[in-house]
PDB file of N, CA and C in Angstrom:
ATOM      1  N   UNK A   1      -9.128 -25.127  -0.435  1.00  0.00           N
ATOM      2  CA  UNK A   1      -8.765 -24.587  -1.853  1.00  0.00           C
ATOM      3  C   UNK A   1      -9.905 -23.664  -2.505  1.00  0.00           C
ATOM      4  N   UNK A   2      -9.278 -22.555  -2.737  1.00  0.00           N
ATOM      5  CA  UNK A   2     -10.027 -21.369  -3.649  1.00  0.00           C
ATOM      6  C   UNK A   2     -10.302 -20.830  -1.991  1.00  0.00           C
ATOM      7  N   UNK A   3     -11.476 -19.999  -2.863  1.00  0.00           N
ATOM      8  CA  UNK A   3     -12.284 -19.264  -1.864  1.00  0.00           C
ATOM      9  C   UNK A   3     -13.514 -19.957  -1.305  1.00  0.00           C
ATOM     10  N   UNK A   4     -13.632 -19.905   0.120  1.00  0.00           N
ATOM     11  CA  UNK A   4     -14.591 -20.461   0.630  1.00  0.00           C
ATOM     12  C   UNK A   4     -15.953 -19.642   0.104  1.00  0.00           C
ATOM     13  N   UNK A   5     -17.318 -20.417  -0.155  1.00  0.00           N
ATOM     14  CA  UNK A   5     -18.296 -20.209  -0.217  1.00  0.00           C
ATOM     15  C   UNK A   5     -18.884 -18.953   0.704  1.00  0.00           C
ATOM     16  N   UNK A   6     -19.258 -17.776   0.453  1.00  0.00           N
ATOM     17  CA  UNK A   6     -19.651 -16.878   1.528  1.00  0.00           C
ATOM     18  C   UNK A   6     -21.067 -17.206   1.773  1.00  0.00           C
ATOM     19  N   UNK A   7     -21.405 -16.768   2.979  1.00  0.00           N
ATOM     20  CA  UNK A   7     -22.706 -16.934   3.727  1.00  0.00           C
ATOM     21  C   UNK A   7     -23.708 -15.645   3.249  1.00  0.00           C
ATOM     22  N   UNK A   8     -24.906 -15.878   3.689  1.00  0.00           N
ATOM     23  CA  UNK A   8     -26.083 -14.911   2.871  1.00  0.00           C
ATOM     24  C   UNK A   8     -25.908 -13.712   3.285  1.00  0.00           C
ATOM     25  N   UNK A   9     -25.359 -13.655   4.723  1.00  0.00           N
ATOM     26  CA  UNK A   9     -25.099 -12.311   5.381  1.00  0.00           C
ATOM     27  C   UNK A   9     -24.065 -11.647   5.005  1.00  0.00           C
ATOM     28  N   UNK A  10     -23.211 -12.149   4.128  1.00  0.00           N
ATOM     29  CA  UNK A  10     -21.941 -11.132   3.978  1.00  0.00           C
ATOM     30  C   UNK A  10     -21.672 -11.173   2.400  1.00  0.00           C
ATOM     31  N   UNK A  11     -21.328 -10.252   1.665  1.00  0.00           N
ATOM     32  CA  UNK A  11     -21.327 -10.294   0.466  1.00  0.00           C
ATOM     33  C   UNK A  11     -19.917 -10.397  -0.068  1.00  0.00           C
ATOM     34  N   UNK A  12     -19.984 -10.813  -1.555  1.00  0.00           N
ATOM     35  CA  UNK A  12     -18.589 -11.370  -1.823  1.00  0.00           C
ATOM     36  C   UNK A  12     -17.487 -10.042  -1.597  1.00  0.00           C
ATOM     37  N   UNK A  13     -18.031  -8.750  -1.648  1.00  0.00           N
ATOM     38  CA  UNK A  13     -17.131  -7.522  -1.685  1.00  0.00           C
ATOM     39  C   UNK A  13     -16.666  -7.513  -0.360  1.00  0.00           C
ATOM     40  N   UNK A  14     -17.411  -7.761   0.797  1.00  0.00           N
ATOM     41  CA  UNK A  14     -16.832  -7.699   1.821  1.00  0.00           C
ATOM     42  C   UNK A  14     -15.800  -8.987   2.311  1.00  0.00           C
ATOM     43  N   UNK A  15     -15.723  -9.881   1.810  1.00  0.00           N
ATOM     44  CA  UNK A  15     -14.932 -11.087   1.701  1.00  0.00           C
ATOM     45  C   UNK A  15     -13.589 -10.555   1.439  1.00  0.00           C
ATOM     46  N   UNK A  16     -13.456  -9.971   0.254  1.00  0.00           N
ATOM     47  CA  UNK A  16     -12.062  -9.178  -0.163  1.00  0.00           C
ATOM     48  C   UNK A  16     -11.593  -8.237   0.749  1.00  0.00           C
ATOM     49  N   UNK A  17     -12.225  -7.404   1.964  1.00  0.00           N
ATOM     50  CA  UNK A  17     -11.580  -6.593   2.356  1.00  0.00           C
ATOM     51  C   UNK A  17     -11.102  -5.373   1.606  1.00  0.00           C
ATOM     52  N   UNK A  18     -12.093  -4.751   0.941  1.00  0.00           N
ATOM     53  CA  UNK A  18     -11.288  -3.567   0.432  1.00  0.00           C
ATOM     54  C   UNK A  18     -11.139  -2.434   1.506  1.00  0.00           C
ATOM     55  N   UNK A  19     -11.979  -2.277   2.419  1.00  0.00           N
ATOM     56  CA  UNK A  19     -11.653  -1.342   3.243  1.00  0.00           C
ATOM     57  C   UNK A  19     -10.113  -1.538   4.058  1.00  0.00           C
ATOM     58  N   UNK A  20      -9.569  -2.691   4.272  1.00  0.00           N
ATOM     59  CA  UNK A  20      -8.513  -2.783   4.962  1.00  0.00           C
ATOM     60  C   UNK A  20      -7.265  -2.779   3.827  1.00  0.00           C
ATOM     61  N   UNK A  21      -7.660  -2.979   2.490  1.00  0.00           N
ATOM     62  CA  UNK A  21      -7.037  -2.797   1.409  1.00  0.00           C
ATOM     63  C   UNK A  21      -6.611  -1.254   1.114  1.00  0.00           C
ATOM     64  N   UNK A  22      -7.602  -0.459   1.252  1.00  0.00           N
ATOM     65  CA  UNK A  22      -7.736   0.910   0.751  1.00  0.00           C
ATOM     66  C   UNK A  22      -7.143   1.703   2.142  1.00  0.00           C
ATOM     67  N   UNK A  23      -7.206   1.337   3.124  1.00  0.00           N
ATOM     68  CA  UNK A  23      -6.415   1.830   4.559  1.00  0.00           C
ATOM     69  C   UNK A  23      -4.949   1.756   3.972  1.00  0.00           C
ATOM     70  N   UNK A  24      -4.725   0.766   3.805  1.00  0.00           N
ATOM     71  CA  UNK A  24      -2.861   0.356   3.758  1.00  0.00           C
ATOM     72  C   UNK A  24      -2.481   1.045   2.505  1.00  0.00           C
ATOM     73  N   UNK A  25      -3.418   1.287   1.370  1.00  0.00           N
ATOM     74  CA  UNK A  25      -3.068   2.224   0.535  1.00  0.00           C
ATOM     75  C   UNK A  25      -2.739   3.633   0.495  1.00  0.00           C
ATOM     76  N   UNK A  26      -3.666   3.924   1.810  1.00  0.00           N
ATOM     77  CA  UNK A  26      -3.940   5.333   2.232  1.00  0.00           C
ATOM     78  C   UNK A  26      -2.655   5.738   3.343  1.00  0.00           C
ATOM     79  N   UNK A  27      -2.332   4.747   4.073  1.00  0.00           N
ATOM     80  CA  UNK A  27      -1.262   5.111   4.918  1.00  0.00           C
ATOM     81  C   UNK A  27      -0.076   5.018   4.161  1.00  0.00           C
ATOM     82  N   UNK A  28       0.274   4.325   3.275  1.00  0.00           N
ATOM     83  CA  UNK A  28       1.430   4.305   2.260  1.00  0.00           C
ATOM     84  C   UNK A  28       1.589   5.494   1.718  1.00  0.00           C
ATOM     85  N   UNK A  29       0.709   5.997   1.019  1.00  0.00           N
ATOM     86  CA  UNK A  29       0.556   7.225   0.306  1.00  0.00           C
ATOM     87  C   UNK A  29       0.721   8.283   1.387  1.00  0.00           C
ATOM     88  N   UNK A  30       0.297   8.522   2.507  1.00  0.00           N
ATOM     89  CA  UNK A  30       0.275   9.541   3.041  1.00  0.00           C
ATOM     90  C   UNK A  30       1.653   9.415   3.748  1.00  0.00           C
ATOM     91  N   UNK A  31       2.288   8.513   4.136  1.00  0.00           N
ATOM     92  CA  UNK A  31       3.905   8.386   4.573  1.00  0.00           C
ATOM     93  C   UNK A  31       4.699   8.778   3.395  1.00  0.00           C
ATOM     94  N   UNK A  32       4.144   8.594   2.323  1.00  0.00           N
ATOM     95  CA  UNK A  32       5.059   9.206   1.211  1.00  0.00           C
ATOM     96  C   UNK A  32       4.856  10.693   1.171  1.00  0.00           C
ATOM     97  N   UNK A  33       3.949  11.512   1.281  1.00  0.00           N
ATOM     98  CA  UNK A  33       3.789  12.764   1.108  1.00  0.00           C
ATOM     99  C   UNK A  33       4.595  13.561   2.254  1.00  0.00           C
ATOM    100  N   UNK A  34       4.614  12.771   3.454  1.00  0.00           N
ATOM    101  CA  UNK A  34       5.934  13.363   4.308  1.00  0.00           C
ATOM    102  C   UNK A  34       7.092  13.669   3.643  1.00  0.00           C
ATOM    103  N   UNK A  35       7.490  12.825   2.415  1.00  0.00           N
ATOM    104  CA  UNK A  35       8.877  13.089   2.120  1.00  0.00           C
ATOM    105  C   UNK A  35       8.968  13.415   0.895  1.00  0.00           C
ATOM    106  N   UNK A  36       8.040  13.812   0.323  1.00  0.00           N
ATOM    107  CA  UNK A  36       7.940  14.436  -1.149  1.00  0.00           C
ATOM    108  C   UNK A  36       9.036  15.669  -1.134  1.00  0.00           C
ATOM    109  N   UNK A  37       9.036  16.596  -0.402  1.00  0.00           N
ATOM    110  CA  UNK A  37       9.243  17.833  -0.620  1.00  0.00           C
ATOM    111  C   UNK A  37      11.107  17.821  -0.089  1.00  0.00           C
ATOM    112  N   UNK A  38      11.428  16.935   0.861  1.00  0.00           N
ATOM    113  CA  UNK A  38      12.609  16.935   1.401  1.00  0.00           C
ATOM    114  C   UNK A  38      13.541  15.698   0.937  1.00  0.00           C
ATOM    115  N   UNK A  39      13.026  14.616   1.098  1.00  0.00           N
ATOM    116  CA  UNK A  39      13.557  13.146   0.718  1.00  0.00           C
ATOM    117  C   UNK A  39      13.055  12.009  -0.106  1.00  0.00           C
ATOM    118  N   UNK A  40      12.371  12.940  -0.990  1.00  0.00           N
ATOM    119  CA  UNK A  40      11.727  11.974  -1.823  1.00  0.00           C
ATOM    120  C   UNK A  40      12.411  10.981  -2.681  1.00  0.00           C
ATOM    121  N   UNK A  41      13.923  11.093  -2.918  1.00  0.00           N
ATOM    122  CA  UNK A  41      14.574   9.623  -3.364  1.00  0.00           C
ATOM    123  C   UNK A  41      14.403   8.415  -2.336  1.00  0.00           C
ATOM    124  N   UNK A  42      14.279   8.544  -1.246  1.00  0.00           N
ATOM    125  CA  UNK A  42      13.974   7.461  -0.199  1.00  0.00           C
ATOM    126  C   UNK A  42      12.340   7.413  -0.031  1.00  0.00           C
ATOM    127  N   UNK A  43      11.363   8.039  -0.792  1.00  0.00           N
ATOM    128  CA  UNK A  43      10.261   8.013  -0.385  1.00  0.00           C
ATOM    129  C   UNK A  43       9.650   6.556  -0.412  1.00  0.00           C
ATOM    130  N   UNK A  44      10.025   5.495  -1.398  1.00  0.00           N
ATOM    131  CA  UNK A  44       9.241   4.039  -1.094  1.00  0.00           C
ATOM    132  C   UNK A  44       9.758   3.641   0.205  1.00  0.00           C
ATOM    133  N   UNK A  45      10.544   3.911   0.752  1.00  0.00           N
ATOM    134  CA  UNK A  45      10.963   3.079   1.855  1.00  0.00           C
ATOM    135  C   UNK A  45       9.899   3.067   3.337  1.00  0.00           C
ATOM    136  N   UNK A  46       9.427   4.387   2.980  1.00  0.00           N
ATOM    137  CA  UNK A  46       8.253   4.429   4.090  1.00  0.00           C
ATOM    138  C   UNK A  46       7.005   3.765   4.134  1.00  0.00           C
ATOM    139  N   UNK A  47       6.552   3.564   2.771  1.00  0.00           N
ATOM    140  CA  UNK A  47       5.516   2.509   2.597  1.00  0.00           C
ATOM    141  C   UNK A  47       5.753   1.152   2.762  1.00  0.00           C
ATOM    142  N   UNK A  48       6.941   0.983   2.397  1.00  0.00           N
ATOM    143  CA  UNK A  48       7.619  -0.416   2.520  1.00  0.00           C
ATOM    144  C   UNK A  48       7.642  -0.866   4.149  1.00  0.00           C
ATOM    145  N   UNK A  49       8.165   0.336   4.660  1.00  0.00           N
ATOM    146  CA  UNK A  49       8.028  -0.070   6.116  1.00  0.00           C
ATOM    147  C   UNK A  49       6.947  -0.114   6.997  1.00  0.00           C
ATOM    148  N   UNK A  50       5.666   0.640   6.247  1.00  0.00           N
ATOM    149  CA  UNK A  50       4.514   0.072   6.595  1.00  0.00           C
ATOM    150  C   UNK A  50       4.124  -1.047   6.587  1.00  0.00           C
ATOM    151  N   UNK A  51       4.254  -1.542   5.188  1.00  0.00           N
ATOM    152  CA  UNK A  51       3.952  -3.010   4.760  1.00  0.00           C
ATOM    153  C   UNK A  51       4.277  -3.720   5.331  1.00  0.00           C
ATOM    154  N   UNK A  52       5.788  -3.815   5.861  1.00  0.00           N
ATOM    155  CA  UNK A  52       6.444  -4.832   6.785  1.00  0.00           C
ATOM    156  C   UNK A  52       5.718  -4.394   8.232  1.00  0.00           C
ATOM    157  N   UNK A  53       5.656  -3.631   9.171  1.00  0.00           N
ATOM    158  CA  UNK A  53       4.833  -3.399  10.096  1.00  0.00           C
ATOM    159  C   UNK A  53       3.673  -4.055  10.089  1.00  0.00           C
ATOM    160  N   UNK A  54       2.671  -3.881   9.041  1.00  0.00           N
ATOM    161  CA  UNK A  54       1.211  -4.408   8.955  1.00  0.00           C
ATOM    162  C   UNK A  54       1.744  -5.777   9.087  1.00  0.00           C
ATOM    163  N   UNK A  55       2.253  -6.593   8.031  1.00  0.00           N
ATOM    164  CA  UNK A  55       2.443  -7.761   7.759  1.00  0.00           C
ATOM    165  C   UNK A  55       3.095  -8.376   9.357  1.00  0.00           C
ATOM    166  N   UNK A  56       3.569  -7.878  10.266  1.00  0.00           N
ATOM    167  CA  UNK A  56       4.258  -8.646  11.379  1.00  0.00           C
ATOM    168  C   UNK A  56       3.197  -8.273  12.519  1.00  0.00           C
ATOM    169  N   UNK A  57       2.782  -7.088  12.593  1.00  0.00           N
ATOM    170  CA  UNK A  57       1.711  -6.745  13.792  1.00  0.00           C
ATOM    171  C   UNK A  57       0.527  -7.711  13.420  1.00  0.00           C
ATOM    172  N   UNK A  58      -0.070  -8.296  14.579  1.00  0.00           N
ATOM    173  CA  UNK A  58      -1.458  -9.270  14.373  1.00  0.00           C
ATOM    174  C   UNK A  58      -2.340  -8.273  14.733  1.00  0.00           C
ATOM    175  N   UNK A  59      -3.311  -7.978  13.904  1.00  0.00           N
ATOM    176  CA  UNK A  59      -4.460  -7.404  13.779  1.00  0.00           C
ATOM    177  C   UNK A  59      -5.521  -7.760  12.606  1.00  0.00           C
ATOM    178  N   UNK A  60      -6.726  -7.517  12.980  1.00  0.00           N
ATOM    179  CA  UNK A  60      -7.914  -7.931  12.092  1.00  0.00           C
ATOM    180  C   UNK A  60      -7.350  -7.447  10.531  1.00  0.00           C
ATOM    181  N   UNK A  61      -7.346  -8.239   9.516  1.00  0.00           N
ATOM    182  CA  UNK A  61      -7.259  -8.204   8.248  1.00  0.00           C
ATOM    183  C   UNK A  61      -5.956  -7.253   7.893  1.00  0.00           C
ATOM    184  N   UNK A  62      -4.487  -7.829   8.642  1.00  0.00           N
ATOM    185  CA  UNK A  62      -3.242  -7.308   8.532  1.00  0.00           C
ATOM    186  C   UNK A  62      -2.548  -7.217   7.344  1.00  0.00           C
ATOM    187  N   UNK A  63      -2.965  -8.680   6.954  1.00  0.00           N
ATOM    188  CA  UNK A  63      -2.244  -8.889   5.631  1.00  0.00           C
ATOM    189  C   UNK A  63      -2.950  -7.748   4.043  1.00  0.00           C
ATOM    190  N   UNK A  64      -4.106  -7.594   4.296  1.00  0.00           N
ATOM    191  CA  UNK A  64      -4.821  -6.697   3.496  1.00  0.00           C
ATOM    192  C   UNK A  64      -4.058  -5.432   3.346  1.00  0.00           C
ATOM    193  N   UNK A  65      -3.938  -4.759   4.696  1.00  0.00           N
ATOM    194  CA  UNK A  65      -3.445  -3.378   5.054  1.00  0.00           C
ATOM    195  C   UNK A  65      -1.844  -3.715   4.249  1.00  0.00           C
ATOM    196  N   UNK A  66      -1.235  -4.351   4.656  1.00  0.00           N
ATOM    197  CA  UNK A  66       0.152  -4.717   4.286  1.00  0.00           C
ATOM    198  C   UNK A  66      -0.055  -4.650   2.872  1.00  0.00           C
ATOM    199  N   UNK A  67      -0.780  -5.590   1.974  1.00  0.00           N
ATOM    200  CA  UNK A  67      -0.818  -5.557   0.428  1.00  0.00           C
ATOM    201  C   UNK A  67      -1.110  -3.819  -0.036  1.00  0.00           C
ATOM    202  N   UNK A  68      -1.837  -3.390   0.708  1.00  0.00           N
ATOM    203  CA  UNK A  68      -2.274  -2.091   0.373  1.00  0.00           C
ATOM    204  C   UNK A  68      -1.233  -1.190   0.295  1.00  0.00           C
ATOM    205  N   UNK A  69      -0.504  -1.391   1.637  1.00  0.00           N
ATOM    206  CA  UNK A  69       0.828  -0.379   1.755  1.00  0.00           C
ATOM    207  C   UNK A  69       1.804  -0.900   0.614  1.00  0.00           C
ATOM    208  N   UNK A  70       1.906  -1.904   0.375  1.00  0.00           N
ATOM    209  CA  UNK A  70       2.983  -2.505  -0.519  1.00  0.00           C
ATOM    210  C   UNK A  70       2.745  -1.952  -1.980  1.00  0.00           C
ATOM    211  N   UNK A  71       1.237  -1.950  -2.418  1.00  0.00           N
ATOM    212  CA  UNK A  71       0.747  -1.355  -3.661  1.00  0.00           C
ATOM    213  C   UNK A  71       1.366   0.072  -3.787  1.00  0.00           C
ATOM    214  N   UNK A  72       1.084   1.071  -2.811  1.00  0.00           N
ATOM    215  CA  UNK A  72       1.486   2.260  -2.723  1.00  0.00           C
ATOM    216  C   UNK A  72       3.132   2.622  -2.519  1.00  0.00           C
ATOM    217  N   UNK A  73       4.000   1.327  -2.306  1.00  0.00           N
ATOM    218  CA  UNK A  73       5.224   1.241  -2.528  1.00  0.00           C
ATOM    219  C   UNK A  73       5.490   1.364  -3.790  1.00  0.00           C
ATOM    220  N   UNK A  74       5.066   0.295  -4.495  1.00  0.00           N
ATOM    221  CA  UNK A  74       5.138  -0.046  -5.867  1.00  0.00           C
ATOM    222  C   UNK A  74       4.905   1.282  -6.654  1.00  0.00           C
ATOM    223  N   UNK A  75       3.458   1.837  -6.352  1.00  0.00           N
ATOM    224  CA  UNK A  75       3.529   2.921  -6.929  1.00  0.00           C
ATOM    225  C   UNK A  75       4.372   4.227  -7.280  1.00  0.00           C
ATOM    226  N   UNK A  76       5.037   4.297  -5.866  1.00  0.00           N
ATOM    227  CA  UNK A  76       5.925   5.367  -5.806  1.00  0.00           C
ATOM    228  C   UNK A  76       6.976   5.059  -6.554  1.00  0.00           C
ATOM    229  N   UNK A  77       7.301   3.857  -6.505  1.00  0.00           N
ATOM    230  CA  UNK A  77       8.522   3.373  -7.414  1.00  0.00           C
ATOM    231  C   UNK A  77       8.510   3.666  -9.028  1.00  0.00           C
ATOM    232  N   UNK A  78       7.261   3.157  -9.481  1.00  0.00           N
ATOM    233  CA  UNK A  78       6.967   3.426 -10.403  1.00  0.00           C
ATOM    234  C   UNK A  78       7.012   5.035 -10.933  1.00  0.00           C
ATOM    235  N   UNK A  79       6.500   6.031 -10.101  1.00  0.00           N
ATOM    236  CA  UNK A  79       6.606   7.254 -10.153  1.00  0.00           C
ATOM    237  C   UNK A  79       7.850   7.796 -10.270  1.00  0.00           C
ATOM    238  N   UNK A  80       8.798   7.494  -9.291  1.00  0.00           N
ATOM    239  CA  UNK A  80       9.992   7.939  -9.302  1.00  0.00           C
ATOM    240  C   UNK A  80      10.881   7.318 -10.602  1.00  0.00           C
ATOM    241  N   UNK A  81      10.833   6.287 -11.252  1.00  0.00           N
ATOM    242  CA  UNK A  81      11.035   5.513 -12.587  1.00  0.00           C
ATOM    243  C   UNK A  81      10.854   6.651 -13.561  1.00  0.00           C
ATOM    244  N   UNK A  82       9.470   7.255 -13.800  1.00  0.00           N
ATOM    245  CA  UNK A  82       9.124   8.226 -14.818  1.00  0.00           C
ATOM    246  C   UNK A  82       9.574   9.630 -14.185  1.00  0.00           C
ATOM    247  N   UNK A  83       9.735  10.190 -13.092  1.00  0.00           N
ATOM    248  CA  UNK A  83      10.104  11.562 -12.835  1.00  0.00           C
ATOM    249  C   UNK A  83      11.238  11.670 -12.625  1.00  0.00           C
ATOM    250  N   UNK A  84      12.443  10.539 -12.418  1.00  0.00           N
ATOM    251  CA  UNK A  84      13.768  11.225 -12.418  1.00  0.00           C
ATOM    252  C   UNK A  84      14.224  11.316 -13.628  1.00  0.00           C
ATOM    253  N   UNK A  85      13.954  10.496 -15.134  1.00  0.00           N
ATOM    254  CA  UNK A  85      14.510  10.711 -16.111  1.00  0.00           C
ATOM    255  C   UNK A  85      14.103  12.093 -16.478  1.00  0.00           C
ATOM    256  N   UNK A  86      12.696  12.335 -16.389  1.00  0.00           N
ATOM    257  CA  UNK A  86      12.177  13.496 -16.813  1.00  0.00           C
ATOM    258  C   UNK A  86      12.787  14.925 -16.019  1.00  0.00           C
ATOM    259  N   UNK A  87      13.069  14.736 -14.838  1.00  0.00           N
ATOM    260  CA  UNK A  87      13.750  15.817 -13.940  1.00  0.00           C
ATOM    261  C   UNK A  87      15.274  16.037 -14.668  1.00  0.00           C
ATOM    262  N   UNK A  88      15.734  14.557 -15.114  1.00  0.00           N
ATOM    263  CA  UNK A  88      17.113  15.017 -15.530  1.00  0.00           C
ATOM    264  C   UNK A  88      17.251  15.482 -16.730  1.00  0.00           C
ATOM    265  N   UNK A  89      16.587  15.153 -17.883  1.00  0.00           N
ATOM    266  CA  UNK A  89      16.486  15.734 -19.040  1.00  0.00           C
ATOM    267  C   UNK A  89      15.770  16.977 -19.316  1.00  0.00           C
ATOM    268  N   UNK A  90      14.929  17.420 -18.079  1.00  0.00           N
ATOM    269  CA  UNK A  90      14.748  19.034 -18.366  1.00  0.00           C
ATOM    270  C   UNK A  90      15.770  19.801 -18.049  1.00  0.00           C
TER     271      UNK A  90
END
């Protein structure tokens, strides 16, 4: 139940896997950058696909990479929710 106590040789920050989370976030946003010029309406699909693949493929800290890519997907959705009305109103 909860977070297990950390051993003296690992810090609490290392137990949270920030590198894997940031890697997923970077991969998600990098896949979005490939679509902004031409396919920006479907840009959230690419980090969602990265998150889905990272959740299915078993490797070290794959859930954290998937969570980071999912955060990238949600960031793109929020960006488009703000961007599209501005684009239509201007």
